[in-house]
Amino acid sequence: MQINFIQGEPSAPRTNLMSRIFKWTDGQLVQVEEFATAGATDAAVFSVDGTLFVAVSNSLTVDVRFRTDTVIYRFNG
């Protein structure tokens, strides 16, 4: 999994970035999913009744600092 925090300069950061999930296939990593994050700092994968979920700890938007909601995605791949 690749979780993205920010890009750009501290005075003008880009926080709304796409993060990615990869799968190891035939000896290489292949991207299988892409999803929006906002200054993401961490992620965790968990399973409920055989369904995979990804919880992403977001932290920054252009207007809100360190009070951005965590998001839980259902993984369909």
N, C-alpha and C. Protein backbone atom coordinates (compact mmCIF):
# COMPACT_ATOMS: atom_id res chain seq x y z
N MET A 1 0.85 -1.16 0.00
CA MET A 1 0.00 0.00 0.00
C MET A 1 0.90 1.23 0.00
N GLN A 2 0.52 2.23 -0.75
CA GLN A 2 1.22 3.51 -0.78
C GLN A 2 0.24 4.58 -0.33
N ILE A 3 0.53 5.18 0.83
CA ILE A 3 -0.31 6.23 1.38
C ILE A 3 0.43 7.55 1.22
N ASN A 4 -0.21 8.55 0.65
CA ASN A 4 0.45 9.82 0.35
C ASN A 4 0.05 10.91 1.35
N PHE A 5 1.06 11.65 1.82
CA PHE A 5 0.87 12.71 2.80
C PHE A 5 0.68 14.06 2.10
N ILE A 6 1.75 14.66 1.62
CA ILE A 6 1.66 15.93 0.89
C ILE A 6 2.68 15.96 -0.24
N GLN A 7 2.44 16.84 -1.18
CA GLN A 7 3.40 17.16 -2.24
C GLN A 7 3.50 18.67 -2.32
N GLY A 8 4.62 19.16 -2.81
CA GLY A 8 4.79 20.59 -2.98
C GLY A 8 5.53 21.23 -1.83
N GLU A 9 5.48 22.53 -1.78
CA GLU A 9 6.17 23.33 -0.77
C GLU A 9 5.30 23.50 0.48
N PRO A 10 5.91 23.65 1.66
CA PRO A 10 5.13 23.87 2.88
C PRO A 10 4.21 25.09 2.80
N SER A 11 4.61 26.10 2.04
CA SER A 11 3.77 27.29 1.91
C SER A 11 2.57 27.07 1.00
N ALA A 12 2.63 26.05 0.15
CA ALA A 12 1.53 25.74 -0.77
C ALA A 12 1.44 24.22 -0.96
N PRO A 13 1.09 23.49 0.11
CA PRO A 13 1.06 22.02 -0.01
C PRO A 13 -0.15 21.52 -0.78
N ARG A 14 0.07 20.43 -1.50
CA ARG A 14 -1.03 19.68 -2.12
C ARG A 14 -1.30 18.49 -1.21
N THR A 15 -2.48 18.46 -0.61
CA THR A 15 -2.81 17.38 0.33
C THR A 15 -3.82 16.39 -0.23
N ASN A 16 -4.61 16.80 -1.20
CA ASN A 16 -5.61 15.90 -1.79
C ASN A 16 -4.94 15.08 -2.87
N LEU A 17 -4.47 13.90 -2.48
CA LEU A 17 -3.70 13.04 -3.37
C LEU A 17 -4.35 11.68 -3.49
N MET A 18 -3.95 10.95 -4.49
CA MET A 18 -4.42 9.58 -4.66
C MET A 18 -3.42 8.62 -4.02
N SER A 19 -3.91 7.67 -3.25
CA SER A 19 -3.08 6.62 -2.67
C SER A 19 -3.43 5.32 -3.37
N ARG A 20 -2.57 4.31 -3.19
CA ARG A 20 -2.72 3.10 -4.01
C ARG A 20 -2.56 1.82 -3.20
N ILE A 21 -3.22 0.77 -3.69
CA ILE A 21 -3.05 -0.59 -3.15
C ILE A 21 -2.45 -1.44 -4.26
N PHE A 22 -1.45 -2.22 -3.89
CA PHE A 22 -0.77 -3.09 -4.85
C PHE A 22 -0.92 -4.54 -4.44
N LYS A 23 -0.78 -5.43 -5.42
CA LYS A 23 -0.81 -6.87 -5.18
C LYS A 23 0.44 -7.47 -5.83
N TRP A 24 1.04 -8.42 -5.14
CA TRP A 24 2.21 -9.11 -5.67
C TRP A 24 1.74 -10.17 -6.65
N THR A 25 2.07 -10.01 -7.94
CA THR A 25 1.62 -10.92 -8.99
C THR A 25 2.79 -11.24 -9.90
N ASP A 26 3.08 -12.52 -10.08
CA ASP A 26 4.13 -12.97 -10.98
C ASP A 26 5.45 -12.24 -10.75
N GLY A 27 5.83 -12.09 -9.48
CA GLY A 27 7.12 -11.51 -9.14
C GLY A 27 7.21 -10.00 -9.21
N GLN A 28 6.06 -9.33 -9.31
CA GLN A 28 6.10 -7.86 -9.33
C GLN A 28 4.86 -7.28 -8.68
N LEU A 29 4.97 -6.03 -8.24
CA LEU A 29 3.83 -5.33 -7.67
C LEU A 29 2.96 -4.75 -8.78
N VAL A 30 1.67 -5.01 -8.69
CA VAL A 30 0.71 -4.51 -9.68
C VAL A 30 -0.34 -3.68 -8.93
N GLN A 31 -0.58 -2.47 -9.39
CA GLN A 31 -1.59 -1.63 -8.75
C GLN A 31 -2.97 -2.21 -9.02
N VAL A 32 -3.76 -2.37 -7.94
CA VAL A 32 -5.10 -2.93 -8.09
C VAL A 32 -6.20 -1.96 -7.67
N GLU A 33 -5.82 -0.89 -6.97
CA GLU A 33 -6.84 0.07 -6.52
C GLU A 33 -6.18 1.42 -6.28
N GLU A 34 -6.96 2.48 -6.48
CA GLU A 34 -6.52 3.84 -6.21
C GLU A 34 -7.66 4.56 -5.52
N PHE A 35 -7.34 5.38 -4.50
CA PHE A 35 -8.39 6.04 -3.74
C PHE A 35 -7.89 7.38 -3.22
N ALA A 36 -8.82 8.29 -3.00
CA ALA A 36 -8.49 9.65 -2.56
C ALA A 36 -8.11 9.67 -1.09
N THR A 37 -7.06 10.45 -0.76
CA THR A 37 -6.66 10.69 0.61
C THR A 37 -6.37 12.18 0.79
N ALA A 38 -6.35 12.62 2.04
CA ALA A 38 -6.13 14.04 2.34
C ALA A 38 -5.05 14.16 3.41
N GLY A 39 -3.80 14.27 2.99
CA GLY A 39 -2.71 14.34 3.94
C GLY A 39 -2.63 13.08 4.79
N ALA A 40 -2.76 11.94 4.15
CA ALA A 40 -2.81 10.66 4.88
C ALA A 40 -1.50 10.37 5.61
N THR A 41 -1.62 9.88 6.83
CA THR A 41 -0.43 9.57 7.63
C THR A 41 -0.28 8.08 7.92
N ASP A 42 -1.36 7.31 7.81
CA ASP A 42 -1.28 5.89 8.12
C ASP A 42 -2.48 5.17 7.54
N ALA A 43 -2.36 3.86 7.42
CA ALA A 43 -3.48 3.04 6.94
C ALA A 43 -3.39 1.67 7.58
N ALA A 44 -4.53 1.03 7.72
CA ALA A 44 -4.59 -0.33 8.25
C ALA A 44 -5.61 -1.12 7.46
N VAL A 45 -5.30 -2.37 7.22
CA VAL A 45 -6.21 -3.27 6.51
C VAL A 45 -6.79 -4.24 7.54
N PHE A 46 -8.10 -4.46 7.45
CA PHE A 46 -8.73 -5.43 8.35
C PHE A 46 -9.87 -6.12 7.62
N SER A 47 -10.32 -7.23 8.18
CA SER A 47 -11.35 -8.06 7.56
C SER A 47 -12.52 -8.22 8.51
N VAL A 48 -13.73 -8.15 7.96
CA VAL A 48 -14.96 -8.42 8.71
C VAL A 48 -15.78 -9.38 7.87
N ASP A 49 -16.03 -10.56 8.40
CA ASP A 49 -16.81 -11.59 7.69
C ASP A 49 -16.29 -11.83 6.27
N GLY A 50 -14.97 -11.84 6.11
CA GLY A 50 -14.37 -12.12 4.81
C GLY A 50 -14.27 -10.94 3.86
N THR A 51 -14.76 -9.78 4.26
CA THR A 51 -14.66 -8.58 3.44
C THR A 51 -13.51 -7.73 3.94
N LEU A 52 -12.63 -7.30 3.01
CA LEU A 52 -11.49 -6.48 3.38
C LEU A 52 -11.84 -5.00 3.41
N PHE A 53 -11.29 -4.30 4.40
CA PHE A 53 -11.48 -2.86 4.54
C PHE A 53 -10.11 -2.21 4.72
N VAL A 54 -10.01 -0.95 4.31
CA VAL A 54 -8.80 -0.16 4.52
C VAL A 54 -9.22 1.10 5.28
N ALA A 55 -8.65 1.29 6.46
CA ALA A 55 -8.89 2.51 7.24
C ALA A 55 -7.71 3.45 7.00
N VAL A 56 -8.01 4.68 6.60
CA VAL A 56 -6.97 5.66 6.28
C VAL A 56 -7.08 6.83 7.24
N SER A 57 -5.98 7.12 7.92
CA SER A 57 -5.90 8.25 8.83
C SER A 57 -5.47 9.49 8.03
N ASN A 58 -6.44 10.33 7.70
CA ASN A 58 -6.15 11.58 7.01
C ASN A 58 -5.81 12.65 8.05
N SER A 59 -5.05 13.67 7.64
CA SER A 59 -4.67 14.68 8.63
C SER A 59 -4.78 16.11 8.13
N LEU A 60 -4.68 16.33 6.84
CA LEU A 60 -4.60 17.71 6.34
C LEU A 60 -5.46 17.92 5.10
N THR A 61 -6.09 19.07 5.05
CA THR A 61 -6.63 19.60 3.80
C THR A 61 -6.08 21.02 3.70
N VAL A 62 -6.38 21.70 2.63
CA VAL A 62 -5.89 23.06 2.48
C VAL A 62 -6.43 23.95 3.60
N ASP A 63 -7.67 23.72 4.01
CA ASP A 63 -8.32 24.58 5.01
C ASP A 63 -8.29 24.04 6.43
N VAL A 64 -8.18 22.73 6.60
CA VAL A 64 -8.27 22.12 7.92
C VAL A 64 -6.98 21.37 8.22
N ARG A 65 -6.37 21.66 9.34
CA ARG A 65 -5.11 21.02 9.72
C ARG A 65 -5.32 20.14 10.95
N PHE A 66 -4.98 18.87 10.82
CA PHE A 66 -4.97 17.90 11.90
C PHE A 66 -6.34 17.66 12.54
N ARG A 67 -7.41 17.90 11.78
CA ARG A 67 -8.75 17.57 12.24
C ARG A 67 -9.55 16.96 11.09
N THR A 68 -8.88 16.34 10.18
CA THR A 68 -9.51 15.75 9.01
C THR A 68 -9.95 14.32 9.36
N ASP A 69 -11.12 13.93 8.92
CA ASP A 69 -11.70 12.63 9.28
C ASP A 69 -10.92 11.45 8.72
N THR A 70 -10.91 10.39 9.51
CA THR A 70 -10.43 9.09 9.04
C THR A 70 -11.52 8.51 8.15
N VAL A 71 -11.11 7.80 7.10
CA VAL A 71 -12.06 7.21 6.16
C VAL A 71 -11.83 5.71 6.10
N ILE A 72 -12.92 4.94 6.02
CA ILE A 72 -12.83 3.50 5.86
C ILE A 72 -13.40 3.14 4.50
N TYR A 73 -12.57 2.46 3.70
CA TYR A 73 -12.96 2.02 2.37
C TYR A 73 -13.18 0.51 2.38
N ARG A 74 -14.17 0.04 1.63
CA ARG A 74 -14.36 -1.40 1.43
C ARG A 74 -13.58 -1.76 0.18
N PHE A 75 -12.73 -2.77 0.30
CA PHE A 75 -11.89 -3.20 -0.83
C PHE A 75 -12.62 -4.28 -1.60
N ASN A 76 -12.83 -4.03 -2.88
CA ASN A 76 -13.57 -4.96 -3.73
C ASN A 76 -12.67 -5.82 -4.60
N GLY A 77 -11.37 -5.56 -4.58
CA GLY A 77 -10.45 -6.23 -5.50
C GLY A 77 -9.92 -7.49 -4.98
